[in-house]
Amino acid sequence: MLAVSLDGRLAPAAGGAAQLGGRGDRRVLEEALAWADAVLIGARTLRLHGTTCLIRDPDLLEQRRAQERPEQPTALVVSRSGRFDPALPFFRQPLVRWLLCPAPLPQAPAGFAVLQRLQGRWEQDLEALAVAGLQRLVLLGGAELAATLLAQQQVDALQLTLCPQLLGGAHTWMPLNTVLSPSRWQLLEQRPLEGNELVVHYRRLRD
């Protein structure tokens, strides 16, 4: 799930955190978080933003409580090093944090409840997360992580909020030299939002 510019960028050409998406996109985002068991966050995205998105709408929080689920989905941070500034506001947010890391670390770094070793192929890694009870995942960024999952065909659905901006530059969410064939994706929804934004939701068709 991503908010992107009309030319498919996640961040300005110079880099840094993009401020894409308005109030309508925020509601769509929180609905996805309410559905999810966990969210996937790339290390660079976390360092740039300092926090992750939380569910704030009272009706969605009550929905999760009624389902006897935690108020917030688990945050799964994907990092090669596992090194983060402990002063990041992320570590004070009211949620459970897991670190997904390919490196053999002796234990989970401070601030993370669980250390999960990545095996190198997302198909196996997602199966391991499902066994651990985290089956419904929402990807919050960034571009490198999104591109890797798409390239390995491990994205079941695309939900994009198209924002009326043109950013240019290299910060796209698409893998290089990759074309997503329209015949492999089914359009489930397209809905206008506030601020002339449009959310589109596709599902990947299985063989």
N, C-alpha and C. Protein backbone atom coordinates (compact mmCIF):
# COMPACT_ATOMS: atom_id res chain seq x y z
N MET A 1 0.85 -1.17 0.00
CA MET A 1 0.00 0.00 0.00
C MET A 1 0.89 1.23 0.00
N LEU A 2 0.74 2.06 -1.03
CA LEU A 2 1.63 3.20 -1.20
C LEU A 2 0.87 4.42 -1.70
N ALA A 3 1.31 5.59 -1.28
CA ALA A 3 0.87 6.85 -1.87
C ALA A 3 1.96 7.28 -2.83
N VAL A 4 1.60 7.51 -4.09
CA VAL A 4 2.60 7.81 -5.11
C VAL A 4 2.16 9.03 -5.91
N SER A 5 3.14 9.71 -6.52
CA SER A 5 2.84 10.82 -7.41
C SER A 5 2.30 10.28 -8.72
N LEU A 6 1.80 11.16 -9.58
CA LEU A 6 1.26 10.72 -10.85
C LEU A 6 2.32 10.08 -11.74
N ASP A 7 3.59 10.44 -11.53
CA ASP A 7 4.66 9.81 -12.29
C ASP A 7 5.31 8.67 -11.52
N GLY A 8 4.61 8.15 -10.51
CA GLY A 8 5.04 6.92 -9.85
C GLY A 8 6.17 7.06 -8.87
N ARG A 9 6.38 8.26 -8.31
CA ARG A 9 7.47 8.47 -7.37
C ARG A 9 6.98 8.43 -5.93
N LEU A 10 7.86 7.95 -5.04
CA LEU A 10 7.56 7.89 -3.62
C LEU A 10 8.17 9.05 -2.84
N ALA A 11 9.15 9.71 -3.45
CA ALA A 11 9.88 10.78 -2.76
C ALA A 11 10.35 11.78 -3.81
N PRO A 12 10.68 13.01 -3.39
CA PRO A 12 11.20 13.99 -4.33
C PRO A 12 12.52 13.54 -4.96
N ALA A 13 12.89 14.18 -6.07
CA ALA A 13 14.11 13.80 -6.77
C ALA A 13 15.34 13.89 -5.88
N ALA A 14 15.35 14.86 -4.97
CA ALA A 14 16.50 15.03 -4.07
C ALA A 14 16.50 14.05 -2.92
N GLY A 15 15.45 13.24 -2.80
CA GLY A 15 15.36 12.29 -1.69
C GLY A 15 14.66 12.89 -0.49
N GLY A 16 14.64 12.15 0.60
CA GLY A 16 13.97 12.62 1.81
C GLY A 16 12.55 12.11 1.87
N ALA A 17 11.89 12.45 2.96
CA ALA A 17 10.52 11.97 3.19
C ALA A 17 9.54 12.81 2.39
N ALA A 18 8.72 12.15 1.58
CA ALA A 18 7.69 12.84 0.81
C ALA A 18 6.42 12.97 1.65
N GLN A 19 5.74 14.08 1.49
CA GLN A 19 4.47 14.30 2.18
C GLN A 19 3.34 14.10 1.18
N LEU A 20 3.09 12.85 0.83
CA LEU A 20 2.06 12.51 -0.13
C LEU A 20 0.83 11.99 0.60
N GLY A 21 -0.33 12.32 0.08
CA GLY A 21 -1.57 11.78 0.65
C GLY A 21 -2.20 12.73 1.64
N GLY A 22 -3.53 12.89 1.53
CA GLY A 22 -4.28 13.76 2.43
C GLY A 22 -5.17 12.98 3.37
N ARG A 23 -6.27 13.63 3.81
CA ARG A 23 -7.14 13.00 4.81
C ARG A 23 -7.83 11.75 4.27
N GLY A 24 -8.24 11.80 3.01
CA GLY A 24 -8.88 10.62 2.44
C GLY A 24 -7.95 9.44 2.38
N ASP A 25 -6.70 9.70 1.99
CA ASP A 25 -5.71 8.63 1.95
C ASP A 25 -5.43 8.11 3.34
N ARG A 26 -5.46 8.99 4.34
CA ARG A 26 -5.21 8.55 5.72
C ARG A 26 -6.26 7.55 6.16
N ARG A 27 -7.53 7.78 5.81
CA ARG A 27 -8.59 6.84 6.18
C ARG A 27 -8.39 5.49 5.49
N VAL A 28 -8.06 5.53 4.21
CA VAL A 28 -7.82 4.29 3.47
C VAL A 28 -6.65 3.53 4.09
N LEU A 29 -5.61 4.26 4.46
CA LEU A 29 -4.45 3.65 5.10
C LEU A 29 -4.84 2.99 6.41
N GLU A 30 -5.59 3.69 7.24
CA GLU A 30 -5.95 3.12 8.55
C GLU A 30 -6.88 1.91 8.40
N GLU A 31 -7.72 1.90 7.37
CA GLU A 31 -8.55 0.71 7.11
C GLU A 31 -7.67 -0.49 6.80
N ALA A 32 -6.61 -0.27 6.02
CA ALA A 32 -5.68 -1.36 5.71
C ALA A 32 -4.93 -1.81 6.96
N LEU A 33 -4.52 -0.87 7.80
CA LEU A 33 -3.85 -1.23 9.05
C LEU A 33 -4.77 -2.04 9.96
N ALA A 34 -6.05 -1.66 9.99
CA ALA A 34 -7.01 -2.39 10.82
C ALA A 34 -7.18 -3.82 10.35
N TRP A 35 -7.02 -4.06 9.06
CA TRP A 35 -7.12 -5.42 8.50
C TRP A 35 -5.88 -6.24 8.81
N ALA A 36 -4.73 -5.58 8.91
CA ALA A 36 -3.45 -6.27 8.91
C ALA A 36 -3.09 -6.89 10.26
N ASP A 37 -2.31 -7.98 10.19
CA ASP A 37 -1.64 -8.51 11.38
C ASP A 37 -0.35 -7.76 11.65
N ALA A 38 0.30 -7.30 10.57
CA ALA A 38 1.59 -6.63 10.70
C ALA A 38 1.83 -5.74 9.50
N VAL A 39 2.78 -4.81 9.65
CA VAL A 39 3.19 -3.94 8.55
C VAL A 39 4.68 -4.13 8.32
N LEU A 40 5.09 -4.08 7.05
CA LEU A 40 6.49 -4.18 6.67
C LEU A 40 7.04 -2.78 6.40
N ILE A 41 8.20 -2.48 6.99
CA ILE A 41 8.80 -1.15 6.85
C ILE A 41 10.28 -1.33 6.54
N GLY A 42 10.75 -0.69 5.48
CA GLY A 42 12.17 -0.71 5.16
C GLY A 42 12.95 0.17 6.13
N ALA A 43 14.21 -0.19 6.34
CA ALA A 43 15.04 0.55 7.31
C ALA A 43 15.22 2.00 6.91
N ARG A 44 15.46 2.27 5.63
CA ARG A 44 15.66 3.66 5.18
C ARG A 44 14.40 4.48 5.42
N THR A 45 13.24 3.91 5.13
CA THR A 45 11.98 4.61 5.34
C THR A 45 11.81 4.96 6.81
N LEU A 46 12.12 4.02 7.70
CA LEU A 46 11.99 4.29 9.13
C LEU A 46 12.95 5.39 9.57
N ARG A 47 14.17 5.35 9.08
CA ARG A 47 15.13 6.38 9.50
C ARG A 47 14.72 7.76 8.99
N LEU A 48 14.12 7.82 7.79
CA LEU A 48 13.71 9.11 7.23
C LEU A 48 12.52 9.70 7.97
N HIS A 49 11.54 8.85 8.28
CA HIS A 49 10.30 9.34 8.88
C HIS A 49 10.35 9.33 10.41
N GLY A 50 11.10 8.40 10.99
CA GLY A 50 11.23 8.36 12.44
C GLY A 50 10.12 7.64 13.17
N THR A 51 8.99 7.41 12.49
CA THR A 51 7.85 6.74 13.09
C THR A 51 7.20 5.86 12.04
N THR A 52 6.22 5.07 12.47
CA THR A 52 5.36 4.35 11.55
C THR A 52 3.93 4.86 11.73
N CYS A 53 3.06 4.46 10.82
CA CYS A 53 1.67 4.90 10.88
C CYS A 53 0.91 4.09 11.93
N LEU A 54 0.06 4.76 12.67
CA LEU A 54 -0.78 4.13 13.68
C LEU A 54 -2.24 4.31 13.33
N ILE A 55 -3.06 3.38 13.80
CA ILE A 55 -4.52 3.53 13.70
C ILE A 55 -4.95 4.54 14.74
N ARG A 56 -5.69 5.57 14.31
CA ARG A 56 -6.16 6.58 15.24
C ARG A 56 -7.68 6.64 15.32
N ASP A 57 -8.37 6.23 14.26
CA ASP A 57 -9.83 6.34 14.24
C ASP A 57 -10.45 5.43 15.31
N PRO A 58 -11.30 5.99 16.18
CA PRO A 58 -11.87 5.19 17.27
C PRO A 58 -12.66 3.98 16.79
N ASP A 59 -13.36 4.10 15.65
CA ASP A 59 -14.16 2.96 15.18
C ASP A 59 -13.28 1.80 14.75
N LEU A 60 -12.12 2.10 14.15
CA LEU A 60 -11.21 1.04 13.74
C LEU A 60 -10.51 0.40 14.93
N LEU A 61 -10.17 1.21 15.92
CA LEU A 61 -9.58 0.66 17.14
C LEU A 61 -10.57 -0.25 17.85
N GLU A 62 -11.83 0.17 17.92
CA GLU A 62 -12.86 -0.65 18.57
C GLU A 62 -13.07 -1.94 17.79
N GLN A 63 -12.99 -1.86 16.47
CA GLN A 63 -13.13 -3.06 15.64
C GLN A 63 -12.06 -4.09 15.99
N ARG A 64 -10.83 -3.65 16.15
CA ARG A 64 -9.76 -4.59 16.48
C ARG A 64 -9.92 -5.13 17.90
N ARG A 65 -10.36 -4.29 18.83
CA ARG A 65 -10.59 -4.78 20.20
C ARG A 65 -11.70 -5.82 20.22
N ALA A 66 -12.76 -5.59 19.44
CA ALA A 66 -13.87 -6.55 19.38
C ALA A 66 -13.41 -7.89 18.81
N GLN A 67 -12.41 -7.85 17.94
CA GLN A 67 -11.85 -9.08 17.36
C GLN A 67 -10.78 -9.71 18.25
N GLU A 68 -10.57 -9.10 19.44
CA GLU A 68 -9.55 -9.55 20.39
C GLU A 68 -8.16 -9.56 19.75
N ARG A 69 -7.88 -8.49 19.03
CA ARG A 69 -6.58 -8.30 18.41
C ARG A 69 -5.93 -7.08 19.03
N PRO A 70 -4.60 -6.98 18.98
CA PRO A 70 -3.94 -5.76 19.48
C PRO A 70 -4.45 -4.53 18.74
N GLU A 71 -4.46 -3.39 19.41
CA GLU A 71 -4.95 -2.18 18.77
C GLU A 71 -4.14 -1.82 17.53
N GLN A 72 -2.85 -2.06 17.55
CA GLN A 72 -1.98 -1.74 16.42
C GLN A 72 -1.36 -3.02 15.85
N PRO A 73 -1.23 -3.10 14.52
CA PRO A 73 -0.53 -4.25 13.95
C PRO A 73 0.95 -4.22 14.34
N THR A 74 1.57 -5.38 14.36
CA THR A 74 2.99 -5.50 14.65
C THR A 74 3.80 -4.79 13.57
N ALA A 75 4.85 -4.10 13.97
CA ALA A 75 5.74 -3.42 13.02
C ALA A 75 6.93 -4.33 12.72
N LEU A 76 7.08 -4.72 11.45
CA LEU A 76 8.19 -5.57 11.00
C LEU A 76 9.18 -4.70 10.25
N VAL A 77 10.33 -4.44 10.84
CA VAL A 77 11.34 -3.58 10.24
C VAL A 77 12.38 -4.45 9.54
N VAL A 78 12.58 -4.19 8.26
CA VAL A 78 13.54 -4.96 7.46
C VAL A 78 14.84 -4.18 7.39
N SER A 79 15.92 -4.77 7.91
CA SER A 79 17.21 -4.06 7.97
C SER A 79 18.36 -5.03 7.83
N ARG A 80 19.40 -4.64 7.08
CA ARG A 80 20.59 -5.48 6.96
C ARG A 80 21.46 -5.43 8.21
N SER A 81 21.45 -4.29 8.89
CA SER A 81 22.36 -4.12 10.03
C SER A 81 21.66 -4.21 11.38
N GLY A 82 20.40 -3.81 11.42
CA GLY A 82 19.70 -3.77 12.71
C GLY A 82 20.07 -2.59 13.57
N ARG A 83 20.81 -1.63 13.01
CA ARG A 83 21.27 -0.48 13.79
C ARG A 83 20.35 0.72 13.56
N PHE A 84 19.77 1.22 14.65
CA PHE A 84 18.88 2.37 14.60
C PHE A 84 19.16 3.28 15.79
N ASP A 85 18.89 4.56 15.59
CA ASP A 85 19.02 5.52 16.68
C ASP A 85 17.93 5.21 17.72
N PRO A 86 18.29 4.87 18.95
CA PRO A 86 17.27 4.54 19.95
C PRO A 86 16.38 5.73 20.32
N ALA A 87 16.78 6.93 19.90
CA ALA A 87 15.97 8.11 20.19
C ALA A 87 14.84 8.31 19.18
N LEU A 88 14.76 7.47 18.14
CA LEU A 88 13.68 7.61 17.17
C LEU A 88 12.33 7.51 17.89
N PRO A 89 11.38 8.38 17.56
CA PRO A 89 10.05 8.28 18.18
C PRO A 89 9.38 6.93 17.96
N PHE A 90 9.79 6.22 16.92
CA PHE A 90 9.25 4.88 16.65
C PHE A 90 9.34 3.97 17.86
N PHE A 91 10.40 4.10 18.62
CA PHE A 91 10.60 3.20 19.76
C PHE A 91 9.75 3.60 20.96
N ARG A 92 9.01 4.68 20.86
CA ARG A 92 8.06 5.06 21.91
C ARG A 92 6.61 4.88 21.47
N GLN A 93 6.42 4.44 20.24
CA GLN A 93 5.05 4.23 19.77
C GLN A 93 4.46 2.97 20.40
N PRO A 94 3.14 2.96 20.65
CA PRO A 94 2.51 1.84 21.36
C PRO A 94 2.23 0.65 20.46
N LEU A 95 3.28 -0.09 20.13
CA LEU A 95 3.13 -1.27 19.28
C LEU A 95 4.26 -2.24 19.54
N VAL A 96 4.11 -3.43 19.01
CA VAL A 96 5.14 -4.47 19.11
C VAL A 96 6.04 -4.37 17.89
N ARG A 97 7.36 -4.42 18.11
CA ARG A 97 8.34 -4.26 17.04
C ARG A 97 9.14 -5.55 16.85
N TRP A 98 9.21 -6.01 15.60
CA TRP A 98 10.08 -7.12 15.23
C TRP A 98 11.15 -6.60 14.28
N LEU A 99 12.33 -7.19 14.34
CA LEU A 99 13.39 -6.88 13.39
C LEU A 99 13.58 -8.09 12.47
N LEU A 100 13.49 -7.85 11.15
CA LEU A 100 13.76 -8.88 10.15
C LEU A 100 15.12 -8.56 9.54
N CYS A 101 16.07 -9.47 9.72
CA CYS A 101 17.45 -9.15 9.38
C CYS A 101 18.15 -10.38 8.79
N PRO A 102 18.90 -10.22 7.69
CA PRO A 102 19.62 -11.38 7.15
C PRO A 102 20.88 -11.70 7.93
N ALA A 103 21.39 -10.74 8.69
CA ALA A 103 22.63 -10.97 9.43
C ALA A 103 22.39 -11.83 10.67
N PRO A 104 23.35 -12.67 11.04
CA PRO A 104 23.20 -13.51 12.25
C PRO A 104 23.52 -12.70 13.51
N LEU A 105 22.53 -12.02 14.03
CA LEU A 105 22.71 -11.24 15.26
C LEU A 105 22.51 -12.13 16.48
N PRO A 106 23.24 -11.89 17.57
CA PRO A 106 23.11 -12.74 18.76
C PRO A 106 21.76 -12.60 19.45
N GLN A 107 21.15 -11.43 19.36
CA GLN A 107 19.86 -11.21 20.00
C GLN A 107 19.19 -9.99 19.37
N ALA A 108 17.92 -9.83 19.68
CA ALA A 108 17.20 -8.68 19.16
C ALA A 108 17.76 -7.40 19.77
N PRO A 109 18.06 -6.37 18.95
CA PRO A 109 18.53 -5.10 19.50
C PRO A 109 17.49 -4.47 20.41
N ALA A 110 17.92 -3.55 21.25
CA ALA A 110 17.01 -2.87 22.17
C ALA A 110 15.88 -2.23 21.40
N GLY A 111 14.68 -2.38 21.92
CA GLY A 111 13.50 -1.81 21.29
C GLY A 111 12.71 -2.80 20.48
N PHE A 112 13.33 -3.93 20.13
CA PHE A 112 12.64 -4.95 19.33
C PHE A 112 12.33 -6.15 20.22
N ALA A 113 11.08 -6.62 20.12
CA ALA A 113 10.66 -7.77 20.93
C ALA A 113 11.13 -9.08 20.34
N VAL A 114 11.26 -9.14 19.00
CA VAL A 114 11.58 -10.39 18.31
C VAL A 114 12.59 -10.10 17.21
N LEU A 115 13.56 -11.00 17.06
CA LEU A 115 14.50 -10.98 15.94
C LEU A 115 14.18 -12.16 15.04
N GLN A 116 13.84 -11.87 13.78
CA GLN A 116 13.52 -12.93 12.81
C GLN A 116 14.59 -12.92 11.72
N ARG A 117 15.26 -14.04 11.53
CA ARG A 117 16.32 -14.14 10.52
C ARG A 117 15.71 -14.31 9.13
N LEU A 118 16.12 -13.46 8.19
CA LEU A 118 15.69 -13.58 6.80
C LEU A 118 16.56 -14.61 6.09
N GLN A 119 15.91 -15.44 5.27
CA GLN A 119 16.61 -16.54 4.61
C GLN A 119 17.10 -16.18 3.21
N GLY A 120 16.65 -15.05 2.68
CA GLY A 120 17.14 -14.64 1.36
C GLY A 120 16.10 -14.69 0.27
N ARG A 121 15.04 -15.47 0.46
CA ARG A 121 13.93 -15.51 -0.50
C ARG A 121 12.66 -15.18 0.26
N TRP A 122 11.92 -14.19 -0.25
CA TRP A 122 10.75 -13.74 0.48
C TRP A 122 9.63 -14.78 0.56
N GLU A 123 9.58 -15.70 -0.37
CA GLU A 123 8.55 -16.74 -0.29
C GLU A 123 8.69 -17.53 1.01
N GLN A 124 9.92 -17.94 1.34
CA GLN A 124 10.15 -18.68 2.58
C GLN A 124 9.98 -17.78 3.80
N ASP A 125 10.43 -16.54 3.70
CA ASP A 125 10.35 -15.63 4.84
C ASP A 125 8.89 -15.31 5.18
N LEU A 126 8.05 -15.12 4.17
CA LEU A 126 6.64 -14.83 4.43
C LEU A 126 5.93 -16.06 4.99
N GLU A 127 6.33 -17.24 4.55
CA GLU A 127 5.76 -18.47 5.12
C GLU A 127 6.11 -18.57 6.61
N ALA A 128 7.34 -18.22 6.96
CA ALA A 128 7.76 -18.27 8.37
C ALA A 128 6.96 -17.27 9.20
N LEU A 129 6.71 -16.10 8.66
CA LEU A 129 5.90 -15.11 9.38
C LEU A 129 4.46 -15.60 9.56
N ALA A 130 3.93 -16.25 8.54
CA ALA A 130 2.57 -16.79 8.64
C ALA A 130 2.48 -17.84 9.73
N VAL A 131 3.49 -18.71 9.82
CA VAL A 131 3.52 -19.72 10.88
C VAL A 131 3.54 -19.05 12.25
N ALA A 132 4.19 -17.90 12.34
CA ALA A 132 4.27 -17.15 13.60
C ALA A 132 2.99 -16.36 13.89
N GLY A 133 2.00 -16.46 13.01
CA GLY A 133 0.71 -15.80 13.24
C GLY A 133 0.53 -14.48 12.53
N LEU A 134 1.51 -14.10 11.70
CA LEU A 134 1.43 -12.84 10.97
C LEU A 134 1.18 -13.15 9.50
N GLN A 135 -0.08 -13.30 9.14
CA GLN A 135 -0.45 -13.73 7.80
C GLN A 135 -0.84 -12.56 6.90
N ARG A 136 -1.50 -11.57 7.47
CA ARG A 136 -1.99 -10.45 6.66
C ARG A 136 -1.05 -9.27 6.84
N LEU A 137 -0.27 -8.99 5.80
CA LEU A 137 0.77 -7.97 5.89
C LEU A 137 0.45 -6.81 4.96
N VAL A 138 0.78 -5.62 5.42
CA VAL A 138 0.68 -4.41 4.60
C VAL A 138 2.08 -3.81 4.48
N LEU A 139 2.51 -3.53 3.26
CA LEU A 139 3.81 -2.93 3.02
C LEU A 139 3.67 -1.41 3.03
N LEU A 140 4.42 -0.75 3.91
CA LEU A 140 4.37 0.70 4.02
C LEU A 140 5.56 1.39 3.35
N GLY A 141 6.47 0.66 2.75
CA GLY A 141 7.62 1.27 2.09
C GLY A 141 8.90 0.71 2.67
N GLY A 142 9.98 1.06 2.02
CA GLY A 142 10.09 2.01 0.95
C GLY A 142 10.22 1.35 -0.41
N ALA A 143 10.79 2.14 -1.33
CA ALA A 143 10.84 1.75 -2.73
C ALA A 143 11.64 0.47 -2.94
N GLU A 144 12.79 0.34 -2.30
CA GLU A 144 13.64 -0.84 -2.50
C GLU A 144 12.93 -2.11 -2.03
N LEU A 145 12.28 -2.04 -0.88
CA LEU A 145 11.57 -3.21 -0.37
C LEU A 145 10.39 -3.56 -1.26
N ALA A 146 9.64 -2.55 -1.71
CA ALA A 146 8.51 -2.79 -2.60
C ALA A 146 8.98 -3.43 -3.90
N ALA A 147 10.08 -2.92 -4.46
CA ALA A 147 10.60 -3.45 -5.71
C ALA A 147 11.03 -4.90 -5.55
N THR A 148 11.68 -5.23 -4.44
CA THR A 148 12.15 -6.60 -4.21
C THR A 148 10.97 -7.57 -4.12
N LEU A 149 9.95 -7.19 -3.37
CA LEU A 149 8.78 -8.07 -3.23
C LEU A 149 8.05 -8.24 -4.56
N LEU A 150 7.95 -7.18 -5.34
CA LEU A 150 7.31 -7.28 -6.66
C LEU A 150 8.13 -8.16 -7.59
N ALA A 151 9.45 -7.97 -7.58
CA ALA A 151 10.31 -8.76 -8.46
C ALA A 151 10.24 -10.24 -8.13
N GLN A 152 10.03 -10.59 -6.85
CA GLN A 152 9.93 -11.98 -6.44
C GLN A 152 8.48 -12.49 -6.45
N GLN A 153 7.56 -11.67 -6.99
CA GLN A 153 6.15 -12.03 -7.14
C GLN A 153 5.52 -12.42 -5.81
N GLN A 154 5.81 -11.63 -4.79
CA GLN A 154 5.27 -11.90 -3.46
C GLN A 154 4.28 -10.83 -3.02
N VAL A 155 3.77 -10.06 -3.98
CA VAL A 155 2.73 -9.07 -3.69
C VAL A 155 1.41 -9.59 -4.24
N ASP A 156 0.43 -9.79 -3.36
CA ASP A 156 -0.87 -10.32 -3.77
C ASP A 156 -1.82 -9.23 -4.22
N ALA A 157 -1.64 -8.01 -3.73
CA ALA A 157 -2.54 -6.92 -4.08
C ALA A 157 -1.77 -5.61 -4.08
N LEU A 158 -2.21 -4.70 -4.94
CA LEU A 158 -1.64 -3.35 -5.00
C LEU A 158 -2.74 -2.36 -4.64
N GLN A 159 -2.50 -1.52 -3.67
CA GLN A 159 -3.41 -0.42 -3.35
C GLN A 159 -2.60 0.87 -3.39
N LEU A 160 -2.84 1.66 -4.41
CA LEU A 160 -2.07 2.87 -4.64
C LEU A 160 -2.99 4.08 -4.54
N THR A 161 -2.55 5.09 -3.80
CA THR A 161 -3.21 6.38 -3.82
C THR A 161 -2.43 7.28 -4.76
N LEU A 162 -3.07 7.68 -5.86
CA LEU A 162 -2.44 8.54 -6.84
C LEU A 162 -2.66 9.99 -6.43
N CYS A 163 -1.57 10.69 -6.16
CA CYS A 163 -1.64 12.07 -5.67
C CYS A 163 -1.33 13.03 -6.81
N PRO A 164 -2.05 14.14 -6.91
CA PRO A 164 -1.89 15.07 -8.04
C PRO A 164 -0.61 15.89 -7.95
N GLN A 165 0.53 15.19 -8.01
CA GLN A 165 1.84 15.83 -8.01
C GLN A 165 2.74 15.12 -9.01
N LEU A 166 3.71 15.85 -9.54
CA LEU A 166 4.76 15.29 -10.38
C LEU A 166 6.08 15.57 -9.68
N LEU A 167 6.82 14.50 -9.34
CA LEU A 167 8.04 14.66 -8.55
C LEU A 167 9.31 14.44 -9.35
N GLY A 168 9.27 13.55 -10.34
CA GLY A 168 10.47 13.24 -11.10
C GLY A 168 11.52 12.53 -10.26
N GLY A 169 12.66 12.26 -10.86
CA GLY A 169 13.74 11.62 -10.13
C GLY A 169 13.67 10.11 -10.18
N ALA A 170 14.53 9.49 -9.39
CA ALA A 170 14.73 8.04 -9.45
C ALA A 170 13.94 7.27 -8.41
N HIS A 171 13.22 7.96 -7.53
CA HIS A 171 12.61 7.27 -6.39
C HIS A 171 11.25 6.68 -6.75
N THR A 172 11.29 5.67 -7.61
CA THR A 172 10.07 4.98 -8.02
C THR A 172 9.89 3.71 -7.20
N TRP A 173 8.66 3.21 -7.16
CA TRP A 173 8.38 1.98 -6.41
C TRP A 173 8.49 0.74 -7.30
N MET A 174 8.68 0.92 -8.60
CA MET A 174 8.71 -0.20 -9.53
C MET A 174 10.12 -0.77 -9.66
N PRO A 175 10.26 -2.09 -9.76
CA PRO A 175 11.58 -2.67 -10.04
C PRO A 175 12.07 -2.20 -11.41
N LEU A 176 13.39 -1.98 -11.55
CA LEU A 176 13.95 -1.59 -12.83
C LEU A 176 13.72 -2.69 -13.87
N ASN A 177 13.41 -2.27 -15.10
CA ASN A 177 13.24 -3.20 -16.22
C ASN A 177 12.12 -4.21 -15.98
N THR A 178 11.12 -3.81 -15.19
CA THR A 178 10.00 -4.71 -14.90
C THR A 178 8.71 -4.08 -15.40
N VAL A 179 7.90 -4.89 -16.05
CA VAL A 179 6.58 -4.44 -16.51
C VAL A 179 5.53 -5.31 -15.83
N LEU A 180 4.56 -4.68 -15.17
CA LEU A 180 3.46 -5.43 -14.58
C LEU A 180 2.35 -5.54 -15.61
N SER A 181 2.17 -6.74 -16.14
CA SER A 181 1.21 -6.94 -17.22
C SER A 181 -0.22 -6.76 -16.74
N PRO A 182 -1.03 -5.94 -17.41
CA PRO A 182 -2.43 -5.76 -17.00
C PRO A 182 -3.21 -7.07 -16.96
N SER A 183 -2.81 -8.04 -17.78
CA SER A 183 -3.54 -9.31 -17.81
C SER A 183 -3.34 -10.13 -16.54
N ARG A 184 -2.33 -9.76 -15.71
CA ARG A 184 -2.05 -10.52 -14.50
C ARG A 184 -2.65 -9.87 -13.26
N TRP A 185 -3.35 -8.74 -13.44
CA TRP A 185 -3.90 -8.01 -12.30
C TRP A 185 -5.36 -7.68 -12.56
N GLN A 186 -6.20 -7.87 -11.54
CA GLN A 186 -7.63 -7.57 -11.64
C GLN A 186 -7.94 -6.32 -10.84
N LEU A 187 -8.60 -5.35 -11.48
CA LEU A 187 -8.99 -4.13 -10.79
C LEU A 187 -10.17 -4.43 -9.87
N LEU A 188 -9.99 -4.17 -8.57
CA LEU A 188 -11.05 -4.41 -7.59
C LEU A 188 -11.81 -3.13 -7.26
N GLU A 189 -11.11 -2.00 -7.25
CA GLU A 189 -11.75 -0.77 -6.79
C GLU A 189 -10.97 0.43 -7.31
N GLN A 190 -11.68 1.47 -7.66
CA GLN A 190 -11.07 2.79 -7.84
C GLN A 190 -12.04 3.82 -7.27
N ARG A 191 -11.50 4.61 -6.36
CA ARG A 191 -12.37 5.49 -5.57
C ARG A 191 -11.73 6.87 -5.44
N PRO A 192 -12.47 7.93 -5.81
CA PRO A 192 -11.91 9.27 -5.61
C PRO A 192 -11.89 9.63 -4.14
N LEU A 193 -10.83 10.35 -3.74
CA LEU A 193 -10.67 10.81 -2.37
C LEU A 193 -10.62 12.33 -2.35
N GLU A 194 -10.58 12.87 -1.12
CA GLU A 194 -10.42 14.31 -0.99
C GLU A 194 -9.12 14.77 -1.65
N GLY A 195 -9.10 16.04 -2.06
CA GLY A 195 -7.88 16.61 -2.61
C GLY A 195 -7.52 16.10 -3.98
N ASN A 196 -8.53 15.63 -4.76
CA ASN A 196 -8.31 15.14 -6.12
C ASN A 196 -7.39 13.93 -6.16
N GLU A 197 -7.34 13.17 -5.08
CA GLU A 197 -6.58 11.92 -5.07
C GLU A 197 -7.48 10.78 -5.50
N LEU A 198 -6.87 9.71 -5.96
CA LEU A 198 -7.61 8.53 -6.41
C LEU A 198 -6.94 7.29 -5.86
N VAL A 199 -7.71 6.43 -5.19
CA VAL A 199 -7.16 5.17 -4.72
C VAL A 199 -7.58 4.08 -5.70
N VAL A 200 -6.60 3.26 -6.10
CA VAL A 200 -6.87 2.13 -6.99
C VAL A 200 -6.37 0.87 -6.30
N HIS A 201 -7.14 -0.19 -6.41
CA HIS A 201 -6.85 -1.44 -5.71
C HIS A 201 -6.90 -2.58 -6.72
N TYR A 202 -5.77 -3.27 -6.89
CA TYR A 202 -5.65 -4.40 -7.81
C TYR A 202 -5.32 -5.67 -7.03
N ARG A 203 -5.76 -6.79 -7.56
CA ARG A 203 -5.39 -8.10 -7.02
C ARG A 203 -4.62 -8.88 -8.08
N ARG A 204 -3.54 -9.53 -7.64
CA ARG A 204 -2.76 -10.33 -8.59
C ARG A 204 -3.47 -11.64 -8.89
N LEU A 205 -3.58 -11.98 -10.15
CA LEU A 205 -4.23 -13.23 -10.56
C LEU A 205 -3.21 -14.36 -10.49
N ARG A 206 -3.62 -15.45 -9.87
CA ARG A 206 -2.74 -16.61 -9.75
C ARG A 206 -2.80 -17.45 -11.02
N ASP A 207 -1.73 -18.20 -11.27
CA ASP A 207 -1.69 -19.11 -12.41
C ASP A 207 -2.66 -20.27 -12.19
